[in-house]
Amino acid sequence: MCARTGSRRRNSSAASMARWMRTRLPAPSAAAAAPRRRPSPPPTNNDAACGKARKAAARRRDTEVRRKMEALRRLVPGGGGEVDELLLRAAGYIARLQAQVTVMQLMVDVLEHTKD
């Protein structure tokens, strides 16, 4: 199975698999009573498909990140420039908005108490 994409590899012929196993596994011995780890299967032509699938997934992820960064640029005042600058501006903008909300909440609380 392909590690990242989940696509299955096609099995090669049973004879070539058996030949590969004989050349890769150590000779059996009496001292080897503990179970052995099974070696990974031989590479197949489908490895190229796994690579293509990984590249496609990376392209989709990059496209999604680019789309979200553009949305953030539209939301943050002065959001042009490099990514690190944009993220710092966004963090400062969020902090200012939180401070404004806190001040407005305090104003509402004060105004409600003065009505009594």
Protein backbone atom coordinates (compact mmCIF):
# COMPACT_ATOMS: atom_id res chain seq x y z
CA MET A 1 0.00 0.00 0.00
CA CYS A 2 1.28 3.45 -0.83
CA ALA A 3 2.28 5.21 2.41
CA ARG A 4 0.63 8.58 1.81
CA THR A 5 -2.03 8.08 -0.79
CA GLY A 6 -3.53 4.77 0.29
CA SER A 7 -3.50 3.33 -3.22
CA ARG A 8 -2.68 -0.36 -3.46
CA ARG A 9 0.31 -1.75 -5.28
CA ARG A 10 -0.27 -4.49 -7.80
CA ASN A 11 1.35 -7.80 -6.91
CA SER A 12 4.08 -9.06 -9.15
CA SER A 13 4.15 -12.71 -10.05
CA ALA A 14 4.30 -15.18 -7.18
CA ALA A 15 7.53 -16.67 -8.51
CA SER A 16 9.37 -13.37 -8.47
CA MET A 17 8.04 -12.65 -4.96
CA ALA A 18 9.25 -16.04 -3.72
CA ARG A 19 12.65 -15.52 -5.37
CA TRP A 20 12.90 -12.11 -3.76
CA MET A 21 11.97 -13.53 -0.34
CA ARG A 22 14.65 -16.28 -0.61
CA THR A 23 17.35 -13.74 -1.40
CA ARG A 24 16.33 -11.29 1.33
CA LEU A 25 15.51 -13.54 4.29
CA PRO A 26 18.31 -14.94 6.43
CA ALA A 27 18.77 -18.71 6.57
CA PRO A 28 16.69 -20.33 9.35
CA SER A 29 18.57 -21.21 12.52
CA ALA A 30 17.68 -22.85 15.82
CA ALA A 31 18.69 -19.73 17.75
CA ALA A 32 16.14 -17.62 15.96
CA ALA A 33 13.13 -18.59 18.08
CA ALA A 34 11.80 -15.04 18.26
CA PRO A 35 9.44 -14.01 15.46
CA ARG A 36 11.14 -12.06 12.69
CA ARG A 37 9.92 -8.89 11.10
CA ARG A 38 8.70 -9.35 7.60
CA PRO A 39 10.75 -7.42 5.03
CA SER A 40 9.07 -4.84 2.87
CA PRO A 41 7.89 -6.11 -0.52
CA PRO A 42 10.03 -5.48 -3.57
CA PRO A 43 9.48 -2.24 -5.43
CA THR A 44 7.02 -2.41 -8.29
CA ASN A 45 6.26 -0.25 -11.27
CA ASN A 46 3.39 1.23 -9.28
CA ASP A 47 5.85 3.26 -7.18
CA ALA A 48 5.71 5.89 -9.91
CA ALA A 49 1.94 6.07 -9.40
CA CYS A 50 2.47 6.63 -5.68
CA GLY A 51 4.87 9.46 -6.47
CA LYS A 52 2.38 11.03 -8.87
CA ALA A 53 -0.39 10.74 -6.29
CA ARG A 54 1.82 12.36 -3.65
CA LYS A 55 2.66 15.21 -6.01
CA ALA A 56 -1.02 15.70 -6.82
CA ALA A 57 -1.88 15.78 -3.11
CA ALA A 58 0.89 18.32 -2.49
CA ARG A 59 -0.41 20.47 -5.36
CA ARG A 60 -3.94 20.37 -3.91
CA ARG A 61 -2.60 21.31 -0.47
CA ASP A 62 -0.54 24.17 -1.93
CA THR A 63 -3.57 25.44 -3.85
CA GLU A 64 -5.68 25.33 -0.69
CA VAL A 65 -3.04 27.22 1.32
CA ARG A 66 -2.68 29.81 -1.44
CA ARG A 67 -6.47 30.30 -1.52
CA LYS A 68 -6.63 30.78 2.25
CA MET A 69 -3.71 33.21 2.23
CA GLU A 70 -5.47 35.31 -0.41
CA ALA A 71 -8.61 35.36 1.76
CA LEU A 72 -6.51 36.47 4.74
CA ARG A 73 -4.91 39.23 2.62
CA ARG A 74 -8.38 40.56 1.83
CA LEU A 75 -9.39 40.56 5.51
CA VAL A 76 -6.31 42.11 7.10
CA PRO A 77 -5.72 45.83 6.51
CA GLY A 78 -2.37 46.34 4.78
CA GLY A 79 -2.16 42.61 4.16
CA GLY A 80 0.11 42.77 1.13
CA GLY A 81 3.67 41.53 1.12
CA GLU A 82 5.34 38.33 2.21
CA VAL A 83 3.68 35.52 4.14
CA ASP A 84 5.51 36.13 7.41
CA GLU A 85 4.58 39.82 7.32
CA LEU A 86 0.96 38.93 6.56
CA LEU A 87 0.79 36.52 9.50
CA LEU A 88 2.30 39.10 11.88
CA ARG A 89 -0.17 41.75 10.68
CA ALA A 90 -3.05 39.29 11.09
CA ALA A 91 -1.96 38.48 14.66
CA GLY A 92 -1.78 42.18 15.54
CA TYR A 93 -5.13 42.84 13.89
CA ILE A 94 -6.76 40.02 15.88
CA ALA A 95 -5.28 41.38 19.11
CA ARG A 96 -6.65 44.88 18.33
CA LEU A 97 -10.10 43.46 17.53
CA GLN A 98 -10.12 41.54 20.81
CA ALA A 99 -9.20 44.71 22.70
CA GLN A 100 -12.02 46.60 20.96
CA VAL A 101 -14.52 43.89 21.90
CA THR A 102 -13.35 44.04 25.54
CA VAL A 103 -13.69 47.83 25.64
CA MET A 104 -17.17 47.68 24.08
CA GLN A 105 -18.26 45.03 26.57
CA LEU A 106 -17.04 47.21 29.43
CA MET A 107 -18.96 50.17 27.98
CA VAL A 108 -22.14 48.07 27.78
CA ASP A 109 -21.68 46.91 31.38
CA VAL A 110 -21.15 50.51 32.60
CA LEU A 111 -24.19 51.81 30.67
CA GLU A 112 -26.41 49.01 32.02
CA HIS A 113 -25.40 49.81 35.60
CA THR A 114 -26.02 53.55 35.21
CA LYS A 115 -29.63 52.92 34.12
CA ASP A 116 -30.48 51.51 37.56
